[in-house]
Amino acid sequence: MTAALVNGASAGRRAASRLWWYVTELTGENAYDRYVEHLRKNHPEAEVPSRRAFEKERMDARDADPREGNCIC
């Protein structure tokens, strides 16, 4: 393989990685991971909820707050 081809493939992987990060941030997919990281760093004694419990609480909070724009009124 030539150096240009290797560099191009490497650049493509970096671009794909950045795009994936952006999409997961935009969709909120990383919210649980960030929450767990926050808990372990700032509240090591706290119990870490399951992803399912976290998502349920997140959706309940979103549904309860009409400022989130999800209210069908």
N, C-alpha and C. Protein backbone atom coordinates (compact mmCIF):
# COMPACT_ATOMS: atom_id res chain seq x y z
N MET A 1 0.83 -1.18 0.00
CA MET A 1 0.00 0.00 0.00
C MET A 1 0.88 1.24 0.00
N THR A 2 0.46 2.21 -0.73
CA THR A 2 1.23 3.45 -0.76
C THR A 2 0.88 4.30 0.45
N ALA A 3 1.77 5.21 0.78
CA ALA A 3 1.56 6.08 1.94
C ALA A 3 0.31 6.95 1.75
N ALA A 4 0.07 7.41 0.53
CA ALA A 4 -1.10 8.25 0.28
C ALA A 4 -2.39 7.48 0.52
N LEU A 5 -2.41 6.21 0.14
CA LEU A 5 -3.59 5.39 0.32
C LEU A 5 -3.83 5.13 1.81
N VAL A 6 -2.77 4.86 2.55
CA VAL A 6 -2.88 4.63 3.99
C VAL A 6 -3.36 5.90 4.68
N ASN A 7 -2.79 7.05 4.31
CA ASN A 7 -3.20 8.31 4.91
C ASN A 7 -4.66 8.63 4.57
N GLY A 8 -5.08 8.31 3.38
CA GLY A 8 -6.46 8.54 2.97
C GLY A 8 -7.43 7.68 3.77
N ALA A 9 -7.06 6.42 3.97
CA ALA A 9 -7.91 5.52 4.76
C ALA A 9 -7.98 5.99 6.20
N SER A 10 -6.85 6.43 6.72
CA SER A 10 -6.80 6.93 8.10
C SER A 10 -7.67 8.18 8.24
N ALA A 11 -7.59 9.06 7.28
CA ALA A 11 -8.40 10.28 7.30
C ALA A 11 -9.88 9.93 7.20
N GLY A 12 -10.21 8.92 6.41
CA GLY A 12 -11.60 8.48 6.29
C GLY A 12 -12.13 7.92 7.60
N ARG A 13 -11.30 7.15 8.30
CA ARG A 13 -11.73 6.61 9.60
C ARG A 13 -11.93 7.73 10.62
N ARG A 14 -11.04 8.72 10.60
CA ARG A 14 -11.20 9.85 11.52
C ARG A 14 -12.48 10.61 11.22
N ALA A 15 -12.75 10.83 9.94
CA ALA A 15 -13.97 11.55 9.56
C ALA A 15 -15.22 10.76 9.97
N ALA A 16 -15.19 9.45 9.77
CA ALA A 16 -16.32 8.62 10.15
C ALA A 16 -16.51 8.63 11.67
N SER A 17 -15.41 8.59 12.39
CA SER A 17 -15.47 8.63 13.85
C SER A 17 -16.07 9.94 14.35
N ARG A 18 -15.66 11.03 13.76
CA ARG A 18 -16.21 12.34 14.14
C ARG A 18 -17.68 12.44 13.80
N LEU A 19 -18.06 11.93 12.65
CA LEU A 19 -19.47 11.94 12.24
C LEU A 19 -20.29 11.10 13.21
N TRP A 20 -19.79 9.91 13.58
CA TRP A 20 -20.50 9.06 14.52
C TRP A 20 -20.68 9.76 15.87
N TRP A 21 -19.61 10.41 16.36
CA TRP A 21 -19.69 11.15 17.62
C TRP A 21 -20.78 12.22 17.52
N TYR A 22 -20.80 12.97 16.43
CA TYR A 22 -21.78 14.04 16.25
C TYR A 22 -23.20 13.49 16.26
N VAL A 23 -23.43 12.41 15.54
CA VAL A 23 -24.77 11.82 15.45
C VAL A 23 -25.22 11.32 16.83
N THR A 24 -24.33 10.67 17.58
CA THR A 24 -24.72 10.17 18.89
C THR A 24 -24.96 11.30 19.88
N GLU A 25 -24.23 12.39 19.75
CA GLU A 25 -24.48 13.56 20.59
C GLU A 25 -25.81 14.20 20.24
N LEU A 26 -26.07 14.33 18.96
CA LEU A 26 -27.30 14.96 18.48
C LEU A 26 -28.54 14.18 18.90
N THR A 27 -28.46 12.87 18.87
CA THR A 27 -29.61 12.04 19.20
C THR A 27 -29.74 11.77 20.69
N GLY A 28 -28.73 12.12 21.46
CA GLY A 28 -28.76 11.89 22.90
C GLY A 28 -28.32 10.50 23.30
N GLU A 29 -27.79 9.75 22.37
CA GLU A 29 -27.36 8.38 22.63
C GLU A 29 -26.25 8.33 23.69
N ASN A 30 -25.44 9.37 23.77
CA ASN A 30 -24.33 9.40 24.73
C ASN A 30 -24.73 9.91 26.10
N ALA A 31 -25.98 10.30 26.28
CA ALA A 31 -26.41 10.90 27.55
C ALA A 31 -26.19 9.94 28.72
N TYR A 32 -26.51 8.68 28.55
CA TYR A 32 -26.35 7.71 29.64
C TYR A 32 -24.87 7.55 29.99
N ASP A 33 -24.03 7.41 28.98
CA ASP A 33 -22.60 7.25 29.22
C ASP A 33 -22.02 8.46 29.96
N ARG A 34 -22.44 9.66 29.54
CA ARG A 34 -21.97 10.87 30.23
C ARG A 34 -22.48 10.92 31.67
N TYR A 35 -23.72 10.48 31.90
CA TYR A 35 -24.31 10.48 33.24
C TYR A 35 -23.56 9.51 34.15
N VAL A 36 -23.28 8.32 33.64
CA VAL A 36 -22.55 7.32 34.43
C VAL A 36 -21.15 7.85 34.76
N GLU A 37 -20.50 8.44 33.78
CA GLU A 37 -19.17 9.02 34.02
C GLU A 37 -19.24 10.11 35.11
N HIS A 38 -20.26 10.96 35.03
CA HIS A 38 -20.45 12.01 36.03
C HIS A 38 -20.67 11.41 37.42
N LEU A 39 -21.53 10.41 37.50
CA LEU A 39 -21.80 9.78 38.79
C LEU A 39 -20.53 9.18 39.40
N ARG A 40 -19.79 8.44 38.60
CA ARG A 40 -18.59 7.78 39.11
C ARG A 40 -17.52 8.78 39.54
N LYS A 41 -17.46 9.89 38.84
CA LYS A 41 -16.45 10.91 39.15
C LYS A 41 -16.85 11.75 40.36
N ASN A 42 -18.10 12.21 40.39
CA ASN A 42 -18.54 13.17 41.40
C ASN A 42 -19.32 12.57 42.57
N HIS A 43 -19.88 11.38 42.36
CA HIS A 43 -20.70 10.74 43.39
C HIS A 43 -20.39 9.24 43.43
N PRO A 44 -19.17 8.87 43.78
CA PRO A 44 -18.79 7.46 43.70
C PRO A 44 -19.62 6.53 44.58
N GLU A 45 -20.26 7.08 45.60
CA GLU A 45 -21.08 6.25 46.49
C GLU A 45 -22.47 6.00 45.92
N ALA A 46 -22.87 6.76 44.92
CA ALA A 46 -24.22 6.63 44.35
C ALA A 46 -24.33 5.37 43.49
N GLU A 47 -25.51 4.78 43.53
CA GLU A 47 -25.78 3.60 42.71
C GLU A 47 -26.04 4.05 41.28
N VAL A 48 -25.45 3.37 40.33
CA VAL A 48 -25.63 3.71 38.92
C VAL A 48 -26.89 3.01 38.42
N PRO A 49 -27.86 3.79 37.90
CA PRO A 49 -29.09 3.17 37.40
C PRO A 49 -28.84 2.40 36.10
N SER A 50 -29.71 1.48 35.81
CA SER A 50 -29.60 0.78 34.53
C SER A 50 -29.92 1.77 33.41
N ARG A 51 -29.51 1.41 32.21
CA ARG A 51 -29.81 2.28 31.07
C ARG A 51 -31.32 2.44 30.91
N ARG A 52 -32.05 1.36 31.12
CA ARG A 52 -33.50 1.39 30.97
C ARG A 52 -34.12 2.36 31.98
N ALA A 53 -33.68 2.30 33.24
CA ALA A 53 -34.21 3.20 34.28
C ALA A 53 -33.85 4.64 33.96
N PHE A 54 -32.62 4.86 33.49
CA PHE A 54 -32.18 6.21 33.13
C PHE A 54 -33.05 6.77 32.00
N GLU A 55 -33.25 5.98 30.96
CA GLU A 55 -34.04 6.45 29.81
C GLU A 55 -35.50 6.70 30.20
N LYS A 56 -36.06 5.84 31.07
CA LYS A 56 -37.44 6.06 31.51
C LYS A 56 -37.56 7.37 32.27
N GLU A 57 -36.62 7.61 33.19
CA GLU A 57 -36.64 8.86 33.96
C GLU A 57 -36.46 10.07 33.03
N ARG A 58 -35.60 9.92 32.06
CA ARG A 58 -35.35 11.00 31.10
C ARG A 58 -36.60 11.31 30.27
N MET A 59 -37.27 10.26 29.81
CA MET A 59 -38.49 10.46 29.01
C MET A 59 -39.62 11.02 29.87
N ASP A 60 -39.74 10.55 31.10
CA ASP A 60 -40.78 11.07 31.99
C ASP A 60 -40.56 12.56 32.25
N ALA A 61 -39.30 12.95 32.48
CA ALA A 61 -38.99 14.36 32.72
C ALA A 61 -39.28 15.19 31.47
N ARG A 62 -38.95 14.65 30.31
CA ARG A 62 -39.21 15.36 29.06
C ARG A 62 -40.70 15.53 28.84
N ASP A 63 -41.47 14.49 29.11
CA ASP A 63 -42.92 14.56 28.92
C ASP A 63 -43.59 15.51 29.91
N ALA A 64 -43.03 15.63 31.09
CA ALA A 64 -43.62 16.49 32.13
C ALA A 64 -43.34 17.96 31.90
N ASP A 65 -42.38 18.30 31.06
CA ASP A 65 -41.98 19.70 30.86
C ASP A 65 -42.43 20.16 29.47
N PRO A 66 -43.48 20.96 29.39
CA PRO A 66 -43.98 21.40 28.09
C PRO A 66 -42.98 22.30 27.33
N ARG A 67 -42.00 22.84 28.03
CA ARG A 67 -41.00 23.67 27.33
C ARG A 67 -40.11 22.84 26.44
N GLU A 68 -40.11 21.54 26.61
CA GLU A 68 -39.30 20.67 25.76
C GLU A 68 -39.87 20.54 24.35
N GLY A 69 -41.09 20.97 24.15
CA GLY A 69 -41.67 20.95 22.81
C GLY A 69 -42.30 19.62 22.43
N ASN A 70 -42.44 18.71 23.38
CA ASN A 70 -43.02 17.40 23.06
C ASN A 70 -44.48 17.28 23.48
N CYS A 71 -45.02 18.35 23.98
CA CYS A 71 -46.40 18.33 24.45
C CYS A 71 -47.35 18.42 23.25
N ILE A 72 -48.30 17.49 23.18
CA ILE A 72 -49.31 17.54 22.13
C ILE A 72 -50.55 18.15 22.75
N CYS A 73 -50.69 19.44 22.59
CA CYS A 73 -51.79 20.16 23.22
C CYS A 73 -52.75 20.70 22.19
